[in-house]
Amino acid sequence: MNMMIGARKKLVVIGNGMAGMRTVEEILARAPGMFEITVFGAEPQPNYDRIMLSPLLAGDKTFDQIVLNTVDWYAENNIELIAGEPVDEIDRINKLVRGSQGTTRPYDILLLATGSNPFVLPLPGVNRPGVMTFRSVADVEQMLTIAAPGKTAVVIGGGLLGLEAAHGLNLRGMNVGVVHLMPTLMERQLDASAAHLLERALTARGMNIFTGANTECFLGETDDAASHVRAVRLKDGKEIPADLVVMAVGIRPNADLAKASGLACGRGIIVDDGMGTSDPAIYAIGECIEHNAQVYGLVAPIWDMAKVAADRICAVAQTCFSPVAAGTRLKVSGIEMFSAGEFLGDNTTEDVVLRDAARGVYKRLVLRGDRLVGVLCFGDARDAGWYFNLLREGAALGDLRETMIFGPVSASPATRTRQLPPCRTRRKSAAATASKNQRSWLPSPNTA
């Protein structure tokens, strides 16, 4: 008697994070019951929303509030969850994975969703107690053992992740300093003008911002390498006191396991358009992958990857992953921001800029000819979706070119006149005289 008739294929997922579990959800939606699913997770918790680590750090959320898939959910969907045990080895010949505690599971199909690792600066004192990264619930728990009102934290890195950590620690009552190597904060998402407004807003919240600052080492309470951190020394000799140091200087695809298994890797695990690796039985998704020489850290493209991987794994469609233009919508310390496309512009583009320093609002639209190619909104991102649609469609702007800085209501002829501030033409001309590639409308104090 053949006991294998009707047996389900074995799907093993390495990585219990957002990317891997989104793919599992997509698989269950397409083919419930097709696979016997086992999930290995390096962290002891069930799948949680890593984007919500900042509110967790700030005390605005509890861990239960950021859980995406509860332990009961795994049981209800007949998924075996092996939490708190990272996988150390993939035996591709025998189609077997082995966990760090000796747990082994066979697979017919393997999905790698190992995510990314935080970059750790190779500087003297980096291993001192009190110097840590910001990437997991465990990191947050460790920070909270030190964080207290009146204590001092230094965050290395003025990108999104670093500023989220700084904001959370600031809300915990800590004195926070941010050390950033580049001349302006969040240089990947903001231009210099918006970054200046951001720095001003964070300073008003009590943070100390050090831009153009290069970290030299982490000093301890004593010369003993195991003593707790007490300060950050910059290369210019300045010392910034610190009870806690958080490094948030970037992430790298976690492809170590794949490399050790002999899979083709570059910066990440190399995948094709169907999220397949160099082994036809193995797929990969999320921050650990490299597709057409690109790596990814935003949620939107990873959700698209999950759909493609599920289609291919379930063999229901031969869909392909094709990155689409995406905007970056962020909220740092309560400040809304959005950027998309070529928001920095170049010598072939023209800028249309609105500044309202009193409200902390800044808009920059970048045009090439009669088409919108970049947009940046700071302090007010209500019109971001409308601008993004104009950018993505790439249609000629026509008359809209002259008024769209004021948002979608300016597209209506009936409302166009009341949307324009007084003396628009004069101010436009003055700005054009100052810079031939930039036109600015500066609303007067009584203009909303």
Protein backbone atom coordinates (compact mmCIF):
# COMPACT_ATOMS: atom_id res chain seq x y z
CA MET A 1 0.00 0.00 0.00
CA ASN A 2 1.42 3.37 -1.00
CA MET A 3 1.08 5.68 2.02
CA MET A 4 2.34 8.68 0.03
CA ILE A 5 -0.78 9.03 -2.08
CA GLY A 6 -2.36 12.38 -1.26
CA ALA A 7 0.48 13.37 1.09
CA ARG A 8 1.02 17.10 1.35
CA LYS A 9 4.28 18.67 0.26
CA LYS A 10 6.50 19.99 3.00
CA LEU A 11 7.11 23.74 3.00
CA VAL A 12 9.73 25.03 5.41
CA VAL A 13 10.06 28.77 6.00
CA ILE A 14 13.24 30.15 7.53
CA GLY A 15 12.30 33.50 9.00
CA ASN A 16 9.25 34.32 11.08
CA GLY A 17 9.19 38.02 10.22
CA MET A 18 6.85 40.18 8.19
CA ALA A 19 8.07 39.04 4.75
CA GLY A 20 8.00 35.31 5.40
CA MET A 21 4.66 35.29 7.14
CA ARG A 22 3.04 37.54 4.56
CA THR A 23 4.05 34.94 1.97
CA VAL A 24 2.56 32.17 4.11
CA GLU A 25 -0.69 34.13 4.36
CA GLU A 26 -0.73 34.51 0.57
CA ILE A 27 -0.11 30.75 0.19
CA LEU A 28 -2.96 29.91 2.55
CA ALA A 29 -5.26 32.19 0.56
CA ARG A 30 -4.37 30.44 -2.70
CA ALA A 31 -4.08 26.83 -1.67
CA PRO A 32 -5.21 26.02 1.87
CA GLY A 33 -4.17 22.52 2.80
CA MET A 34 -1.65 22.13 -0.04
CA PHE A 35 1.39 22.21 2.25
CA GLU A 36 2.54 20.92 5.57
CA ILE A 37 4.15 24.14 6.83
CA THR A 38 6.96 24.56 9.35
CA VAL A 39 8.32 27.99 10.29
CA PHE A 40 11.68 28.54 12.00
CA GLY A 41 12.05 31.87 13.79
CA ALA A 42 15.27 33.14 15.34
CA GLU A 43 13.33 35.27 17.83
CA PRO A 44 11.20 33.64 20.55
CA GLN A 45 8.14 35.78 19.77
CA PRO A 46 5.46 35.18 17.15
CA ASN A 47 5.45 37.40 14.05
CA TYR A 48 5.25 41.09 14.95
CA ASP A 49 5.26 44.40 13.11
CA ARG A 50 8.89 45.53 13.13
CA ILE A 51 7.80 48.97 11.90
CA MET A 52 6.12 49.45 15.29
CA LEU A 53 9.31 49.09 17.32
CA SER A 54 9.54 52.86 17.73
CA PRO A 55 6.07 53.18 19.38
CA LEU A 56 6.98 50.13 21.48
CA LEU A 57 10.16 51.89 22.62
CA ALA A 58 8.26 55.11 23.30
CA GLY A 59 5.64 53.29 25.38
CA ASP A 60 2.82 54.13 22.97
CA LYS A 61 2.28 50.43 22.13
CA THR A 62 2.51 47.16 24.02
CA PHE A 63 4.02 44.07 22.44
CA ASP A 64 0.60 42.42 22.16
CA GLN A 65 -0.57 45.41 20.12
CA ILE A 66 2.15 44.93 17.49
CA VAL A 67 1.76 41.16 17.07
CA LEU A 68 0.63 40.31 13.54
CA ASN A 69 0.14 36.54 13.91
CA THR A 70 -0.58 35.16 17.36
CA VAL A 71 0.54 31.73 18.55
CA ASP A 72 -3.10 30.64 18.25
CA TRP A 73 -3.11 31.70 14.58
CA TYR A 74 -0.29 29.27 13.80
CA ALA A 75 -2.17 26.45 15.53
CA GLU A 76 -5.44 27.29 13.80
CA ASN A 77 -3.71 27.09 10.42
CA ASN A 78 -1.85 23.87 11.28
CA ILE A 79 1.52 25.62 11.05
CA GLU A 80 4.37 24.31 13.17
CA LEU A 81 6.20 27.26 14.70
CA ILE A 82 9.72 26.61 15.96
CA ALA A 83 10.46 29.92 17.66
CA GLY A 84 13.72 30.98 19.24
CA GLU A 85 15.81 28.61 17.14
CA PRO A 86 17.70 30.04 14.15
CA VAL A 87 18.63 27.65 11.37
CA ASP A 88 22.34 26.86 11.18
CA GLU A 89 22.46 24.58 8.16
CA ILE A 90 20.65 23.78 4.93
CA ASP A 91 21.41 20.34 3.50
CA ARG A 92 20.39 20.89 -0.11
CA ILE A 93 21.27 17.36 -1.20
CA ASN A 94 18.96 15.69 1.32
CA LYS A 95 16.54 18.65 1.46
CA LEU A 96 16.87 19.10 5.19
CA VAL A 97 17.28 22.10 7.50
CA ARG A 98 18.92 21.97 10.91
CA GLY A 99 18.28 24.43 13.74
CA SER A 100 20.82 25.68 16.28
CA GLN A 101 19.32 23.40 18.94
CA GLY A 102 19.47 20.34 16.72
CA THR A 103 15.90 20.43 15.39
CA THR A 104 15.73 19.07 11.83
CA ARG A 105 12.92 19.26 9.30
CA PRO A 106 12.77 17.94 5.72
CA TYR A 107 11.41 20.11 2.93
CA ASP A 108 10.11 19.83 -0.59
CA ILE A 109 10.10 23.60 -0.95
CA LEU A 110 12.16 25.97 1.16
CA LEU A 111 11.46 29.69 1.56
CA LEU A 112 14.23 31.92 2.88
CA ALA A 113 13.04 35.08 4.61
CA THR A 114 16.04 35.80 6.81
CA GLY A 115 15.69 39.59 6.65
CA SER A 116 18.60 41.89 7.35
CA ASN A 117 21.22 42.56 9.98
CA PRO A 118 21.99 45.97 11.44
CA PHE A 119 25.36 47.37 10.43
CA VAL A 120 27.68 47.66 13.42
CA LEU A 121 30.43 50.27 13.25
CA PRO A 122 33.82 48.56 13.75
CA LEU A 123 35.04 51.11 16.29
CA PRO A 124 36.91 50.84 19.60
CA GLY A 125 34.47 50.25 22.46
CA VAL A 126 31.65 48.95 20.27
CA ASN A 127 31.24 45.89 22.51
CA ARG A 128 30.83 47.88 25.72
CA PRO A 129 27.63 47.33 27.72
CA GLY A 130 25.17 50.06 26.78
CA VAL A 131 26.14 50.12 23.09
CA MET A 132 23.46 48.40 21.02
CA THR A 133 21.48 48.27 17.79
CA PHE A 134 17.76 48.89 17.17
CA ARG A 135 16.30 46.04 15.18
CA SER A 136 14.26 43.73 17.38
CA VAL A 137 12.02 43.46 20.43
CA ALA A 138 15.07 42.19 22.34
CA ASP A 139 16.90 45.42 21.45
CA VAL A 140 13.98 47.48 22.76
CA GLU A 141 13.86 45.46 25.98
CA GLN A 142 17.58 45.99 26.46
CA MET A 143 17.26 49.75 25.90
CA LEU A 144 14.47 49.96 28.45
CA THR A 145 16.73 48.50 31.14
CA ILE A 146 18.82 51.68 30.80
CA ALA A 147 16.35 54.32 29.61
CA ALA A 148 15.12 56.62 32.36
CA PRO A 149 14.25 60.31 32.72
CA GLY A 150 17.35 62.43 33.07
CA LYS A 151 19.72 59.89 31.58
CA THR A 152 21.49 60.55 28.28
CA ALA A 153 21.25 58.61 25.03
CA VAL A 154 23.27 59.09 21.86
CA VAL A 155 21.93 57.71 18.59
CA ILE A 156 24.48 57.13 15.84
CA GLY A 157 22.68 57.69 12.54
CA GLY A 158 20.29 60.42 11.44
CA GLY A 159 18.29 58.32 9.02
CA LEU A 160 14.71 57.14 9.56
CA LEU A 161 15.55 54.32 11.97
CA GLY A 162 17.90 56.46 14.04
CA LEU A 163 15.42 59.30 14.36
CA GLU A 164 12.67 56.87 15.35
CA ALA A 165 14.92 55.52 18.12
CA ALA A 166 15.79 59.07 19.19
CA HIS A 167 12.11 60.03 19.30
CA GLY A 168 11.21 56.99 21.39
CA LEU A 169 13.99 57.62 23.89
CA ASN A 170 13.11 61.30 24.01
CA LEU A 171 9.54 60.39 24.98
CA ARG A 172 11.00 58.23 27.75
CA GLY A 173 12.45 61.40 29.24
CA MET A 174 16.04 60.87 28.16
CA ASN A 175 18.35 63.62 26.97
CA VAL A 176 18.98 62.58 23.38
CA GLY A 177 21.76 63.44 20.96
CA VAL A 178 21.83 62.36 17.32
CA VAL A 179 25.20 61.98 15.59
CA HIS A 180 25.01 61.89 11.79
CA LEU A 181 27.91 61.58 9.37
CA MET A 182 26.24 63.44 6.51
CA PRO A 183 25.67 67.23 6.42
CA THR A 184 21.88 66.86 6.67
CA LEU A 185 19.43 64.44 8.27
CA MET A 186 17.61 61.78 6.25
CA GLU A 187 19.49 62.67 3.06
CA ARG A 188 17.93 59.71 1.22
CA GLN A 189 14.40 61.01 1.75
CA LEU A 190 14.77 64.79 2.14
CA ASP A 191 16.54 67.64 0.42
CA ALA A 192 18.60 70.16 2.40
CA SER A 193 15.72 72.60 2.95
CA ALA A 194 13.36 69.96 4.37
CA ALA A 195 16.19 68.47 6.43
CA HIS A 196 16.83 71.89 7.95
CA LEU A 197 13.17 72.15 8.99
CA LEU A 198 13.37 68.66 10.47
CA GLU A 199 16.48 69.48 12.45
CA ARG A 200 14.83 72.65 13.74
CA ALA A 201 11.74 70.71 14.81
CA LEU A 202 13.75 68.00 16.59
CA THR A 203 15.88 70.61 18.34
CA ALA A 204 12.68 72.28 19.55
CA ARG A 205 11.71 68.91 21.06
CA GLY A 206 14.89 68.96 23.12
CA MET A 207 17.19 66.82 20.98
CA ASN A 208 20.78 67.76 20.21
CA ILE A 209 21.68 67.21 16.56
CA PHE A 210 25.30 66.79 15.41
CA THR A 211 25.54 66.65 11.61
CA GLY A 212 28.75 66.23 9.65
CA ALA A 213 29.99 64.33 12.70
CA ASN A 214 32.25 61.28 12.48
CA THR A 215 32.35 58.87 15.42
CA GLU A 216 35.81 57.81 16.59
CA CYS A 217 35.15 55.52 19.56
CA PHE A 218 32.97 54.69 22.55
CA LEU A 219 34.50 55.54 25.91
CA GLY A 220 33.86 53.51 29.05
CA GLU A 221 33.55 54.34 32.71
CA THR A 222 37.03 52.85 33.07
CA ASP A 223 39.70 51.72 30.61
CA ASP A 224 38.49 48.16 31.06
CA ALA A 225 37.01 46.98 27.76
CA ALA A 226 34.05 45.50 29.66
CA SER A 227 33.08 48.70 31.47
CA HIS A 228 29.78 50.41 30.65
CA VAL A 229 29.76 53.14 28.02
CA ARG A 230 29.98 56.71 29.33
CA ALA A 231 30.55 58.84 26.21
CA VAL A 232 30.88 58.98 22.43
CA ARG A 233 34.04 60.61 21.14
CA LEU A 234 33.95 62.24 17.71
CA LYS A 235 36.96 62.53 15.43
CA ASP A 236 37.14 66.27 16.09
CA GLY A 237 37.76 65.45 19.76
CA LYS A 238 34.30 66.33 21.07
CA GLU A 239 32.94 63.98 23.72
CA ILE A 240 29.18 63.50 24.11
CA PRO A 241 28.10 61.92 27.43
CA ALA A 242 26.07 58.73 27.01
CA ASP A 243 24.41 56.23 29.34
CA LEU A 244 23.11 54.50 26.23
CA VAL A 245 24.37 54.40 22.63
CA VAL A 246 22.13 53.19 19.82
CA MET A 247 23.66 52.44 16.43
CA ALA A 248 21.26 52.91 13.51
CA VAL A 249 23.60 53.36 10.57
CA GLY A 250 22.02 50.97 8.08
CA ILE A 251 21.18 47.35 7.40
CA ARG A 252 22.65 44.56 5.30
CA PRO A 253 20.82 41.60 3.74
CA ASN A 254 21.19 38.53 5.94
CA ALA A 255 22.46 36.10 3.33
CA ASP A 256 25.03 34.23 5.45
CA LEU A 257 23.02 31.00 5.64
CA ALA A 258 22.36 31.07 1.90
CA LYS A 259 26.06 31.66 1.13
CA ALA A 260 27.09 28.81 3.38
CA SER A 261 24.60 26.61 1.53
CA GLY A 262 26.18 27.40 -1.83
CA LEU A 263 23.33 29.51 -3.21
CA ALA A 264 24.22 32.32 -5.61
CA CYS A 265 24.59 35.53 -3.63
CA GLY A 266 25.73 39.09 -4.21
CA ARG A 267 24.86 41.66 -1.60
CA GLY A 268 21.83 39.47 -0.92
CA ILE A 269 20.43 36.14 -2.07
CA ILE A 270 20.12 36.44 -5.84
CA VAL A 271 16.59 35.73 -7.06
CA ASP A 272 14.90 35.73 -10.46
CA ASP A 273 11.62 37.41 -11.36
CA GLY A 274 9.70 34.56 -9.70
CA MET A 275 11.64 34.92 -6.43
CA GLY A 276 13.46 31.68 -7.17
CA THR A 277 17.08 31.18 -6.14
CA SER A 278 19.82 29.24 -7.95
CA ASP A 279 18.28 26.07 -6.41
CA PRO A 280 14.87 25.31 -7.99
CA ALA A 281 13.54 24.01 -4.65
CA ILE A 282 14.41 27.21 -2.79
CA TYR A 283 12.72 30.63 -2.93
CA ALA A 284 13.71 33.81 -1.11
CA ILE A 285 11.91 37.02 -0.27
CA GLY A 286 12.30 40.30 1.59
CA GLU A 287 15.30 42.24 2.81
CA CYS A 288 17.60 39.25 2.37
CA ILE A 289 17.26 39.14 -1.43
CA GLU A 290 18.92 40.84 -4.38
CA HIS A 291 16.88 41.23 -7.55
CA ASN A 292 18.44 42.77 -10.65
CA ALA A 293 21.26 44.19 -8.50
CA GLN A 294 18.76 45.89 -6.16
CA VAL A 295 18.06 45.22 -2.48
CA TYR A 296 14.91 46.31 -0.70
CA GLY A 297 13.95 47.63 2.73
CA LEU A 298 10.45 49.06 2.22
CA VAL A 299 7.24 47.18 2.85
CA ALA A 300 5.41 47.85 -0.45
CA PRO A 301 7.80 45.97 -2.78
CA ILE A 302 8.13 43.14 -0.26
CA TRP A 303 4.35 42.68 -0.27
CA ASP A 304 4.55 42.41 -4.07
CA MET A 305 7.30 39.81 -3.70
CA ALA A 306 5.06 37.79 -1.36
CA LYS A 307 2.31 37.59 -3.97
CA VAL A 308 4.72 36.46 -6.68
CA ALA A 309 6.38 33.88 -4.42
CA ALA A 310 2.99 32.49 -3.37
CA ASP A 311 1.84 32.22 -7.00
CA ARG A 312 5.00 30.33 -7.93
CA ILE A 313 5.14 28.09 -4.84
CA CYS A 314 1.46 27.15 -5.27
CA ALA A 315 1.94 26.83 -9.05
CA VAL A 316 -1.20 28.86 -9.71
CA ALA A 317 0.41 31.53 -11.92
CA GLN A 318 3.75 32.48 -13.46
CA THR A 319 3.69 36.06 -12.20
CA CYS A 320 6.87 38.09 -12.10
CA PHE A 321 8.21 40.61 -9.63
CA SER A 322 8.66 43.97 -11.27
CA PRO A 323 9.45 46.90 -8.97
CA VAL A 324 7.20 49.89 -9.54
CA ALA A 325 7.82 53.51 -8.67
CA ALA A 326 7.03 53.96 -5.03
CA GLY A 327 6.83 56.93 -2.74
CA THR A 328 8.22 56.99 0.76
CA ARG A 329 5.69 58.18 3.30
CA LEU A 330 7.12 58.66 6.76
CA LYS A 331 6.22 60.10 10.12
CA VAL A 332 9.07 61.06 12.42
CA SER A 333 8.42 62.61 15.81
CA GLY A 334 4.88 63.41 14.63
CA ILE A 335 6.10 65.19 11.49
CA GLU A 336 4.67 63.95 8.19
CA MET A 337 6.97 63.55 5.18
CA PHE A 338 6.67 62.15 1.68
CA SER A 339 9.14 61.89 -1.16
CA ALA A 340 9.08 60.15 -4.52
CA GLY A 341 10.93 60.13 -7.81
CA GLU A 342 13.76 62.54 -8.58
CA PHE A 343 13.00 64.86 -5.67
CA LEU A 344 16.55 66.27 -5.62
CA GLY A 345 16.39 67.30 -9.28
CA ASP A 346 19.35 67.98 -11.59
CA ASN A 347 20.44 70.49 -14.22
CA THR A 348 17.69 69.29 -16.57
CA THR A 349 14.84 69.97 -14.15
CA GLU A 350 12.96 72.92 -12.71
CA ASP A 351 11.70 73.20 -9.14
CA VAL A 352 8.43 74.63 -7.91
CA VAL A 353 8.77 75.28 -4.19
CA LEU A 354 6.41 76.38 -1.44
CA ARG A 355 7.83 77.29 1.95
CA ASP A 356 5.84 78.20 5.04
CA ALA A 357 8.44 78.32 7.79
CA ALA A 358 5.96 79.48 10.40
CA ARG A 359 3.96 76.26 10.03
CA GLY A 360 6.99 74.13 9.25
CA VAL A 361 5.55 73.20 5.84
CA TYR A 362 7.65 72.73 2.73
CA LYS A 363 6.78 71.38 -0.72
CA ARG A 364 9.10 70.81 -3.65
CA LEU A 365 7.85 69.67 -7.05
CA VAL A 366 10.47 68.75 -9.63
CA LEU A 367 9.54 69.06 -13.31
CA ARG A 368 11.29 68.04 -16.46
CA GLY A 369 9.64 69.89 -19.29
CA ASP A 370 5.90 69.64 -18.73
CA ARG A 371 5.97 66.51 -16.55
CA LEU A 372 6.29 65.94 -12.83
CA VAL A 373 9.31 63.73 -12.06
CA GLY A 374 9.82 64.28 -8.33
CA VAL A 375 7.92 65.41 -5.26
CA LEU A 376 8.79 66.15 -1.65
CA CYS A 377 6.31 67.16 1.05
CA PHE A 378 7.39 68.02 4.58
CA GLY A 379 5.12 68.91 7.48
CA ASP A 380 1.94 68.37 5.45
CA ALA A 381 1.63 65.24 3.31
CA ARG A 382 -2.12 65.33 2.74
CA ASP A 383 -1.69 65.80 -1.01
CA ALA A 384 1.06 63.19 -1.39
CA GLY A 385 -1.17 60.61 -3.06
CA TRP A 386 -2.38 63.09 -5.67
CA TYR A 387 1.15 64.21 -6.49
CA PHE A 388 2.33 60.61 -6.69
CA ASN A 389 -0.42 59.75 -9.19
CA LEU A 390 0.65 62.69 -11.37
CA LEU A 391 4.25 61.51 -11.19
CA ARG A 392 3.41 57.89 -11.97
CA GLU A 393 1.12 58.74 -14.88
CA GLY A 394 3.76 60.99 -16.43
CA ALA A 395 1.14 62.97 -18.36
CA ALA A 396 1.68 66.50 -19.62
CA LEU A 397 0.62 68.94 -16.92
CA GLY A 398 -0.67 71.77 -19.10
CA ASP A 399 -2.29 74.58 -17.13
CA LEU A 400 -2.00 72.53 -13.94
CA ARG A 401 1.73 73.22 -13.95
CA GLU A 402 1.14 76.77 -12.72
CA THR A 403 -1.08 75.93 -9.76
CA MET A 404 -0.48 72.35 -8.62
CA ILE A 405 1.84 73.42 -5.80
CA PHE A 406 -1.39 74.26 -3.94
CA GLY A 407 -2.72 70.70 -4.18
CA PRO A 408 -5.56 68.90 -5.97
CA VAL A 409 -8.13 71.61 -5.34
CA SER A 410 -6.12 73.79 -7.74
CA ALA A 411 -7.01 71.38 -10.54
CA SER A 412 -10.58 72.68 -10.50
CA PRO A 413 -11.05 75.87 -12.57
CA ALA A 414 -13.81 76.96 -10.18
CA THR A 415 -11.45 76.97 -7.21
CA ARG A 416 -8.17 77.82 -8.90
CA THR A 417 -8.36 81.58 -8.31
CA ARG A 418 -9.03 81.41 -4.58
CA GLN A 419 -6.19 78.93 -4.11
CA LEU A 420 -3.53 81.32 -5.36
CA PRO A 421 -1.98 83.60 -2.77
CA PRO A 422 -1.90 87.36 -3.33
CA CYS A 423 0.90 88.73 -5.49
CA ARG A 424 1.74 85.28 -6.87
CA THR A 425 3.13 86.64 -10.13
CA ARG A 426 5.39 89.16 -8.45
CA ARG A 427 6.76 86.59 -6.03
CA LYS A 428 7.25 84.10 -8.80
CA SER A 429 9.27 86.64 -10.78
CA ALA A 430 11.42 87.56 -7.80
CA ALA A 431 12.22 83.93 -7.14
CA ALA A 432 12.94 83.28 -10.80
CA THR A 433 15.44 86.14 -10.80
CA ALA A 434 17.26 84.57 -7.86
CA SER A 435 17.48 81.11 -9.41
CA LYS A 436 16.56 80.28 -12.97
CA ASN A 437 15.87 76.62 -12.10
CA GLN A 438 13.69 77.26 -9.07
CA ARG A 439 10.36 79.02 -8.68
CA SER A 440 9.03 79.67 -5.18
CA TRP A 441 5.67 80.75 -3.91
CA LEU A 442 5.97 81.98 -0.33
CA PRO A 443 2.52 82.28 1.22
CA SER A 444 1.95 85.49 3.16
CA PRO A 445 1.24 85.12 6.91
CA ASN A 446 -2.51 85.32 6.36
CA THR A 447 -2.54 82.69 3.60
CA ALA A 448 -3.42 79.15 4.66
